[in-house]
């Protein structure tokens, strides 16, 4: 396991307002991609936006992504250590993710990059 966050996702009920806030406050570049707006530029992206629709029980928040070599094993270990699975494994083109709440209530994403061989 790593000690680094490799991606950050802001979950928001108002994507336009959140986008405007971060670009105006920090000058962060936002690039529109097929997957939606992402923080970053042509050199690469480091974060993105997840719109929360009305009625979605999740709270607006930042979710850090931690790289793991085996997302299923990391999720099992997290549960053994008292975490709760918030969103089960989701496989995406760039990799697989499991979202957990750690025992103190903070949310993080376990991220296994896709095998690029």
C-alpha atoms as a PDB file:
ATOM      1  CA  UNK A   1       0.000   0.000   0.000  1.00  0.00           C
ATOM      2  CA  UNK A   2       1.028   3.584  -0.578  1.00  0.00           C
ATOM      3  CA  UNK A   3       1.136   6.652   1.633  1.00  0.00           C
ATOM      4  CA  UNK A   4       0.119   8.941  -1.254  1.00  0.00           C
ATOM      5  CA  UNK A   5      -3.215  10.120  -2.560  1.00  0.00           C
ATOM      6  CA  UNK A   6      -3.268   9.764  -6.346  1.00  0.00           C
ATOM      7  CA  UNK A   7      -6.575  11.455  -7.153  1.00  0.00           C
ATOM      8  CA  UNK A   8      -9.172  13.615  -5.415  1.00  0.00           C
ATOM      9  CA  UNK A   9     -12.872  13.726  -6.183  1.00  0.00           C
ATOM     10  CA  UNK A  10     -15.166  16.511  -5.024  1.00  0.00           C
ATOM     11  CA  UNK A  11     -18.727  15.308  -4.624  1.00  0.00           C
ATOM     12  CA  UNK A  12     -21.054  18.255  -4.973  1.00  0.00           C
ATOM     13  CA  UNK A  13     -24.731  19.133  -5.247  1.00  0.00           C
ATOM     14  CA  UNK A  14     -23.872  22.132  -7.449  1.00  0.00           C
ATOM     15  CA  UNK A  15     -21.146  21.319  -9.978  1.00  0.00           C
ATOM     16  CA  UNK A  16     -21.113  24.777 -11.592  1.00  0.00           C
ATOM     17  CA  UNK A  17     -20.771  26.553  -8.238  1.00  0.00           C
ATOM     18  CA  UNK A  18     -18.033  24.185  -7.049  1.00  0.00           C
ATOM     19  CA  UNK A  19     -16.129  24.545 -10.310  1.00  0.00           C
ATOM     20  CA  UNK A  20     -16.338  28.334 -10.134  1.00  0.00           C
ATOM     21  CA  UNK A  21     -15.288  28.353  -6.461  1.00  0.00           C
ATOM     22  CA  UNK A  22     -12.072  26.342  -6.953  1.00  0.00           C
ATOM     23  CA  UNK A  23     -11.038  28.112 -10.131  1.00  0.00           C
ATOM     24  CA  UNK A  24     -11.685  31.570  -8.631  1.00  0.00           C
ATOM     25  CA  UNK A  25     -10.166  30.861  -5.222  1.00  0.00           C
ATOM     26  CA  UNK A  26      -7.087  28.853  -6.227  1.00  0.00           C
ATOM     27  CA  UNK A  27      -6.800  29.341  -9.982  1.00  0.00           C
ATOM     28  CA  UNK A  28      -7.056  25.577 -10.510  1.00  0.00           C
ATOM     29  CA  UNK A  29      -7.469  24.646 -14.148  1.00  0.00           C
ATOM     30  CA  UNK A  30     -10.491  22.539 -15.046  1.00  0.00           C
ATOM     31  CA  UNK A  31     -10.501  20.514 -18.249  1.00  0.00           C
ATOM     32  CA  UNK A  32     -13.708  19.157 -19.771  1.00  0.00           C
ATOM     33  CA  UNK A  33     -13.302  15.468 -20.606  1.00  0.00           C
ATOM     34  CA  UNK A  34     -15.692  12.747 -21.809  1.00  0.00           C
ATOM     35  CA  UNK A  35     -15.868  11.608 -18.153  1.00  0.00           C
ATOM     36  CA  UNK A  36     -16.809  15.124 -17.027  1.00  0.00           C
ATOM     37  CA  UNK A  37     -14.844  18.100 -15.754  1.00  0.00           C
ATOM     38  CA  UNK A  38     -11.466  17.283 -14.219  1.00  0.00           C
ATOM     39  CA  UNK A  39      -8.936  19.336 -12.303  1.00  0.00           C
ATOM     40  CA  UNK A  40      -5.755  19.485 -14.366  1.00  0.00           C
ATOM     41  CA  UNK A  41      -4.586  20.292 -17.835  1.00  0.00           C
ATOM     42  CA  UNK A  42      -2.839  18.724 -20.819  1.00  0.00           C
ATOM     43  CA  UNK A  43      -0.081  17.515 -18.467  1.00  0.00           C
ATOM     44  CA  UNK A  44      -2.606  15.332 -16.643  1.00  0.00           C
ATOM     45  CA  UNK A  45      -5.539  15.346 -14.285  1.00  0.00           C
ATOM     46  CA  UNK A  46      -5.387  15.015 -10.525  1.00  0.00           C
ATOM     47  CA  UNK A  47      -9.029  15.353  -9.506  1.00  0.00           C
ATOM     48  CA  UNK A  48     -12.581  15.439 -10.684  1.00  0.00           C
ATOM     49  CA  UNK A  49     -16.180  16.232  -9.879  1.00  0.00           C
ATOM     50  CA  UNK A  50     -19.014  13.872  -9.010  1.00  0.00           C
ATOM     51  CA  UNK A  51     -22.406  15.571  -9.158  1.00  0.00           C
ATOM     52  CA  UNK A  52     -24.765  14.414  -6.409  1.00  0.00           C
ATOM     53  CA  UNK A  53     -28.348  14.466  -7.685  1.00  0.00           C
ATOM     54  CA  UNK A  54     -31.292  15.516  -5.518  1.00  0.00           C
ATOM     55  CA  UNK A  55     -32.136  12.754  -3.087  1.00  0.00           C
ATOM     56  CA  UNK A  56     -28.631  11.251  -3.088  1.00  0.00           C
ATOM     57  CA  UNK A  57     -27.902  10.390   0.568  1.00  0.00           C
ATOM     58  CA  UNK A  58     -24.166  11.116   0.284  1.00  0.00           C
ATOM     59  CA  UNK A  59     -22.841  14.388   1.648  1.00  0.00           C
ATOM     60  CA  UNK A  60     -20.873  16.855  -0.477  1.00  0.00           C
ATOM     61  CA  UNK A  61     -17.229  16.194   0.336  1.00  0.00           C
ATOM     62  CA  UNK A  62     -13.735  15.587  -0.989  1.00  0.00           C
ATOM     63  CA  UNK A  63     -12.773  11.932  -1.462  1.00  0.00           C
ATOM     64  CA  UNK A  64      -9.053  11.085  -1.648  1.00  0.00           C
ATOM     65  CA  UNK A  65      -7.977   8.025  -3.668  1.00  0.00           C
ATOM     66  CA  UNK A  66      -5.250   5.758  -2.265  1.00  0.00           C
ATOM     67  CA  UNK A  67      -3.504   3.363  -4.690  1.00  0.00           C
ATOM     68  CA  UNK A  68      -3.518  -0.335  -3.795  1.00  0.00           C
ATOM     69  CA  UNK A  69      -2.205  -3.376  -5.634  1.00  0.00           C
ATOM     70  CA  UNK A  70      -5.347  -5.474  -5.005  1.00  0.00           C
ATOM     71  CA  UNK A  71      -8.555  -3.510  -4.420  1.00  0.00           C
ATOM     72  CA  UNK A  72     -10.514  -6.566  -3.258  1.00  0.00           C
ATOM     73  CA  UNK A  73      -7.889  -7.571  -0.686  1.00  0.00           C
ATOM     74  CA  UNK A  74      -7.566  -3.948   0.489  1.00  0.00           C
ATOM     75  CA  UNK A  75     -11.353  -3.690   0.894  1.00  0.00           C
ATOM     76  CA  UNK A  76     -11.483  -6.920   2.907  1.00  0.00           C
ATOM     77  CA  UNK A  77      -8.647  -5.698   5.133  1.00  0.00           C
ATOM     78  CA  UNK A  78     -10.330  -2.315   5.589  1.00  0.00           C
ATOM     79  CA  UNK A  79     -13.521  -4.053   6.777  1.00  0.00           C
ATOM     80  CA  UNK A  80     -11.484  -6.244   9.147  1.00  0.00           C
ATOM     81  CA  UNK A  81     -10.063  -3.022  10.589  1.00  0.00           C
ATOM     82  CA  UNK A  82     -13.526  -1.542  11.161  1.00  0.00           C
ATOM     83  CA  UNK A  83     -14.290   0.221   7.870  1.00  0.00           C
ATOM     84  CA  UNK A  84     -17.674   0.149   6.177  1.00  0.00           C
ATOM     85  CA  UNK A  85     -18.071  -0.330   2.420  1.00  0.00           C
ATOM     86  CA  UNK A  86     -19.880   2.740   1.079  1.00  0.00           C
ATOM     87  CA  UNK A  87     -19.703   1.791  -2.601  1.00  0.00           C
ATOM     88  CA  UNK A  88     -18.659  -1.702  -3.677  1.00  0.00           C
ATOM     89  CA  UNK A  89     -16.089  -2.339  -6.367  1.00  0.00           C
ATOM     90  CA  UNK A  90     -16.652  -0.405  -9.547  1.00  0.00           C
ATOM     91  CA  UNK A  91     -14.556  -1.242 -12.599  1.00  0.00           C
ATOM     92  CA  UNK A  92     -13.744   1.691 -14.889  1.00  0.00           C
ATOM     93  CA  UNK A  93     -11.467   1.893 -17.929  1.00  0.00           C
ATOM     94  CA  UNK A  94      -8.568   3.393 -15.921  1.00  0.00           C
ATOM     95  CA  UNK A  95      -8.979   1.069 -12.926  1.00  0.00           C
ATOM     96  CA  UNK A  96     -11.141  -0.263 -10.107  1.00  0.00           C
ATOM     97  CA  UNK A  97     -12.361   1.536  -6.986  1.00  0.00           C
ATOM     98  CA  UNK A  98     -14.003   0.654  -3.674  1.00  0.00           C
ATOM     99  CA  UNK A  99     -15.204   3.509  -1.456  1.00  0.00           C
ATOM    100  CA  UNK A 100     -15.055   3.008   2.318  1.00  0.00           C
ATOM    101  CA  UNK A 101     -15.755   4.930   5.484  1.00  0.00           C
ATOM    102  CA  UNK A 102     -12.949   4.339   7.966  1.00  0.00           C
ATOM    103  CA  UNK A 103     -13.837   3.690  11.637  1.00  0.00           C
ATOM    104  CA  UNK A 104     -13.710   7.419  12.462  1.00  0.00           C
ATOM    105  CA  UNK A 105     -16.196   8.200   9.686  1.00  0.00           C
ATOM    106  CA  UNK A 106     -13.862   9.692   7.060  1.00  0.00           C
ATOM    107  CA  UNK A 107     -14.401   8.492   3.499  1.00  0.00           C
ATOM    108  CA  UNK A 108     -11.665   7.376   1.117  1.00  0.00           C
ATOM    109  CA  UNK A 109     -11.417   5.455  -2.124  1.00  0.00           C
ATOM    110  CA  UNK A 110      -9.216   2.399  -2.573  1.00  0.00           C
ATOM    111  CA  UNK A 111      -7.872   2.603  -6.145  1.00  0.00           C
ATOM    112  CA  UNK A 112      -6.318  -0.171  -8.245  1.00  0.00           C
ATOM    113  CA  UNK A 113      -5.078   1.121 -11.600  1.00  0.00           C
ATOM    114  CA  UNK A 114      -5.953  -1.017 -14.616  1.00  0.00           C
ATOM    115  CA  UNK A 115      -3.277  -3.365 -15.868  1.00  0.00           C
ATOM    116  CA  UNK A 116      -1.791  -1.514 -18.843  1.00  0.00           C
ATOM    117  CA  UNK A 117       0.123  -4.478 -20.315  1.00  0.00           C
END
